[in-house]
Amino acid sequence: YEPLYGEGDYWDQWSVAGFSALRYYAAAENTWSANTIDVTRTDLVTPRGVRVGDSRAQVLQAYPEALTGDYWGAYPEAPDMLAYVAWSGHTPGEIHDLSQLEFHEMLGPAILFFFEGDVLRQITLTNMFN
């Protein structure tokens, strides 16, 4: 993965059953940071109480500002997705698709909800910063 910021830094994919994280190791600080966390377990919940197995309606009730669309081109294989972009600042109901946001509104942390039919199959936490 790119970019690397310092000598000895590297990216690492770590996982256990139903939980994986794309991590970055910064050698100079001897620290790890999470770039992306993917969850398919049903015992983990978002801050607003959504968990894998919930319906689309439950997700939208908890996250009415969630949007459809292409999240930075990162998930072309997942057309059925909603994205809650924490710092977008948009008003729920006025904007429905990520393409309607300005570039700066797409930055920062996001929760992505991936569906199979009407059922939430995966939750991804990510942060769109370099």
Protein backbone atom coordinates (compact mmCIF):
# COMPACT_ATOMS: atom_id res chain seq x y z
CA TYR A 1 0.00 0.00 0.00
CA GLU A 2 1.05 3.61 -0.42
CA PRO A 3 2.18 6.04 0.80
CA LEU A 4 5.00 5.27 3.20
CA TYR A 5 6.07 8.21 5.34
CA GLY A 6 9.31 7.06 6.94
CA GLU A 7 12.08 4.53 6.81
CA GLY A 8 10.94 1.23 8.26
CA ASP A 9 7.23 2.12 7.97
CA TYR A 10 4.85 -0.42 6.45
CA TRP A 11 1.22 -1.36 5.92
CA ASP A 12 -0.20 -4.53 7.46
CA GLN A 13 -3.50 -6.40 7.11
CA TRP A 14 -4.51 -7.90 10.46
CA SER A 15 -7.58 -10.04 11.08
CA VAL A 16 -9.47 -12.38 13.37
CA ALA A 17 -12.85 -14.01 12.75
CA GLY A 18 -15.21 -11.37 11.34
CA PHE A 19 -12.88 -8.43 12.01
CA SER A 20 -9.99 -7.09 9.95
CA ALA A 21 -7.92 -3.94 9.98
CA LEU A 22 -5.61 -2.29 7.49
CA ARG A 23 -2.94 -0.85 9.77
CA TYR A 24 0.03 1.44 9.33
CA TYR A 25 3.21 1.02 11.36
CA ALA A 26 5.27 4.19 11.90
CA ALA A 27 8.75 2.98 12.84
CA ALA A 28 10.07 6.30 14.14
CA GLU A 29 7.26 6.49 16.72
CA ASN A 30 6.88 2.70 17.14
CA THR A 31 3.09 3.13 16.74
CA TRP A 32 0.25 1.50 14.83
CA SER A 33 -2.75 3.32 13.39
CA ALA A 34 -5.85 1.88 11.77
CA ASN A 35 -6.74 3.05 8.28
CA THR A 36 -9.72 0.78 7.66
CA ILE A 37 -11.62 -1.62 9.91
CA ASP A 38 -14.02 -4.16 8.40
CA VAL A 39 -16.60 -5.96 10.54
CA THR A 40 -18.89 -8.86 9.64
CA ARG A 41 -19.53 -9.92 13.25
CA THR A 42 -22.96 -9.36 14.79
CA ASP A 43 -21.69 -8.60 18.31
CA LEU A 44 -20.06 -5.26 17.42
CA VAL A 45 -22.17 -2.11 17.03
CA THR A 46 -21.67 1.42 15.72
CA PRO A 47 -22.02 4.39 18.09
CA ARG A 48 -25.69 4.65 17.05
CA GLY A 49 -26.41 0.96 17.67
CA VAL A 50 -26.28 -0.51 14.15
CA ARG A 51 -24.91 -4.03 13.73
CA VAL A 52 -24.42 -6.56 10.95
CA GLY A 53 -27.74 -8.27 10.29
CA ASP A 54 -29.82 -5.10 10.68
CA SER A 55 -32.14 -4.01 7.88
CA ARG A 56 -31.56 -1.09 5.52
CA ALA A 57 -34.46 0.70 7.25
CA GLN A 58 -32.76 0.32 10.65
CA VAL A 59 -29.50 1.73 9.25
CA LEU A 60 -31.31 4.70 7.70
CA GLN A 61 -33.24 5.34 10.90
CA ALA A 62 -29.98 5.49 12.87
CA TYR A 63 -28.04 7.33 10.12
CA PRO A 64 -30.55 9.47 8.18
CA GLU A 65 -27.63 11.44 6.69
CA ALA A 66 -26.16 8.29 5.05
CA LEU A 67 -25.66 8.67 1.31
CA THR A 68 -25.57 6.39 -1.70
CA GLY A 69 -22.88 6.55 -4.37
CA ASP A 70 -19.23 5.96 -5.04
CA TYR A 71 -17.02 6.41 -1.97
CA TRP A 72 -13.70 7.65 -3.46
CA GLY A 73 -13.79 4.82 -6.04
CA ALA A 74 -12.63 2.47 -3.28
CA TYR A 75 -15.40 -0.13 -3.54
CA PRO A 76 -16.38 -0.59 -7.20
CA GLU A 77 -17.36 -4.22 -6.51
CA ALA A 78 -19.93 -3.14 -3.90
CA PRO A 79 -22.71 -1.23 -5.63
CA ASP A 80 -25.18 -1.59 -2.73
CA MET A 81 -23.64 0.62 -0.08
CA LEU A 82 -24.54 3.58 2.12
CA ALA A 83 -21.91 5.96 3.51
CA TYR A 84 -22.12 8.07 6.63
CA VAL A 85 -19.44 10.76 6.22
CA ALA A 86 -19.07 12.27 9.67
CA TRP A 87 -17.71 15.70 8.71
CA SER A 88 -19.79 16.34 5.59
CA GLY A 89 -22.12 18.78 7.35
CA HIS A 90 -24.95 18.21 4.88
CA THR A 91 -28.59 18.28 5.93
CA PRO A 92 -30.34 14.88 5.78
CA GLY A 93 -32.94 14.82 3.03
CA GLU A 94 -31.35 17.61 0.98
CA ILE A 95 -28.52 15.51 -0.42
CA HIS A 96 -28.86 11.80 -1.23
CA ASP A 97 -25.71 10.86 -3.16
CA LEU A 98 -22.00 11.26 -2.42
CA SER A 99 -21.52 12.88 -5.83
CA GLN A 100 -23.49 15.88 -4.54
CA LEU A 101 -20.86 16.67 -1.89
CA GLU A 102 -17.93 19.03 -2.36
CA PHE A 103 -14.43 17.52 -2.22
CA HIS A 104 -13.73 18.81 1.31
CA GLU A 105 -17.05 17.39 2.57
CA MET A 106 -15.88 13.88 1.66
CA LEU A 107 -12.78 14.04 3.89
CA GLY A 108 -12.44 12.56 7.35
CA PRO A 109 -13.96 9.56 9.07
CA ALA A 110 -16.77 7.55 7.54
CA ILE A 111 -18.86 4.49 8.28
CA LEU A 112 -19.72 2.42 5.22
CA PHE A 113 -22.67 0.03 5.26
CA PHE A 114 -22.65 -2.83 2.72
CA PHE A 115 -25.89 -4.66 1.99
CA GLU A 116 -26.95 -7.98 0.55
CA GLY A 117 -30.54 -7.40 -0.43
CA ASP A 118 -32.09 -5.59 2.53
CA VAL A 119 -29.68 -7.01 5.12
CA LEU A 120 -26.52 -5.30 6.36
CA ARG A 121 -23.64 -7.72 5.67
CA GLN A 122 -20.57 -5.59 6.54
CA ILE A 123 -19.65 -2.38 8.32
CA THR A 124 -16.44 -0.58 7.41
CA LEU A 125 -14.88 2.23 9.40
CA THR A 126 -12.45 4.31 7.40
CA ASN A 127 -10.74 7.67 7.40
CA MET A 128 -10.13 9.52 4.15
CA PHE A 129 -6.95 11.32 5.04
CA ASN A 130 -3.46 10.72 3.82
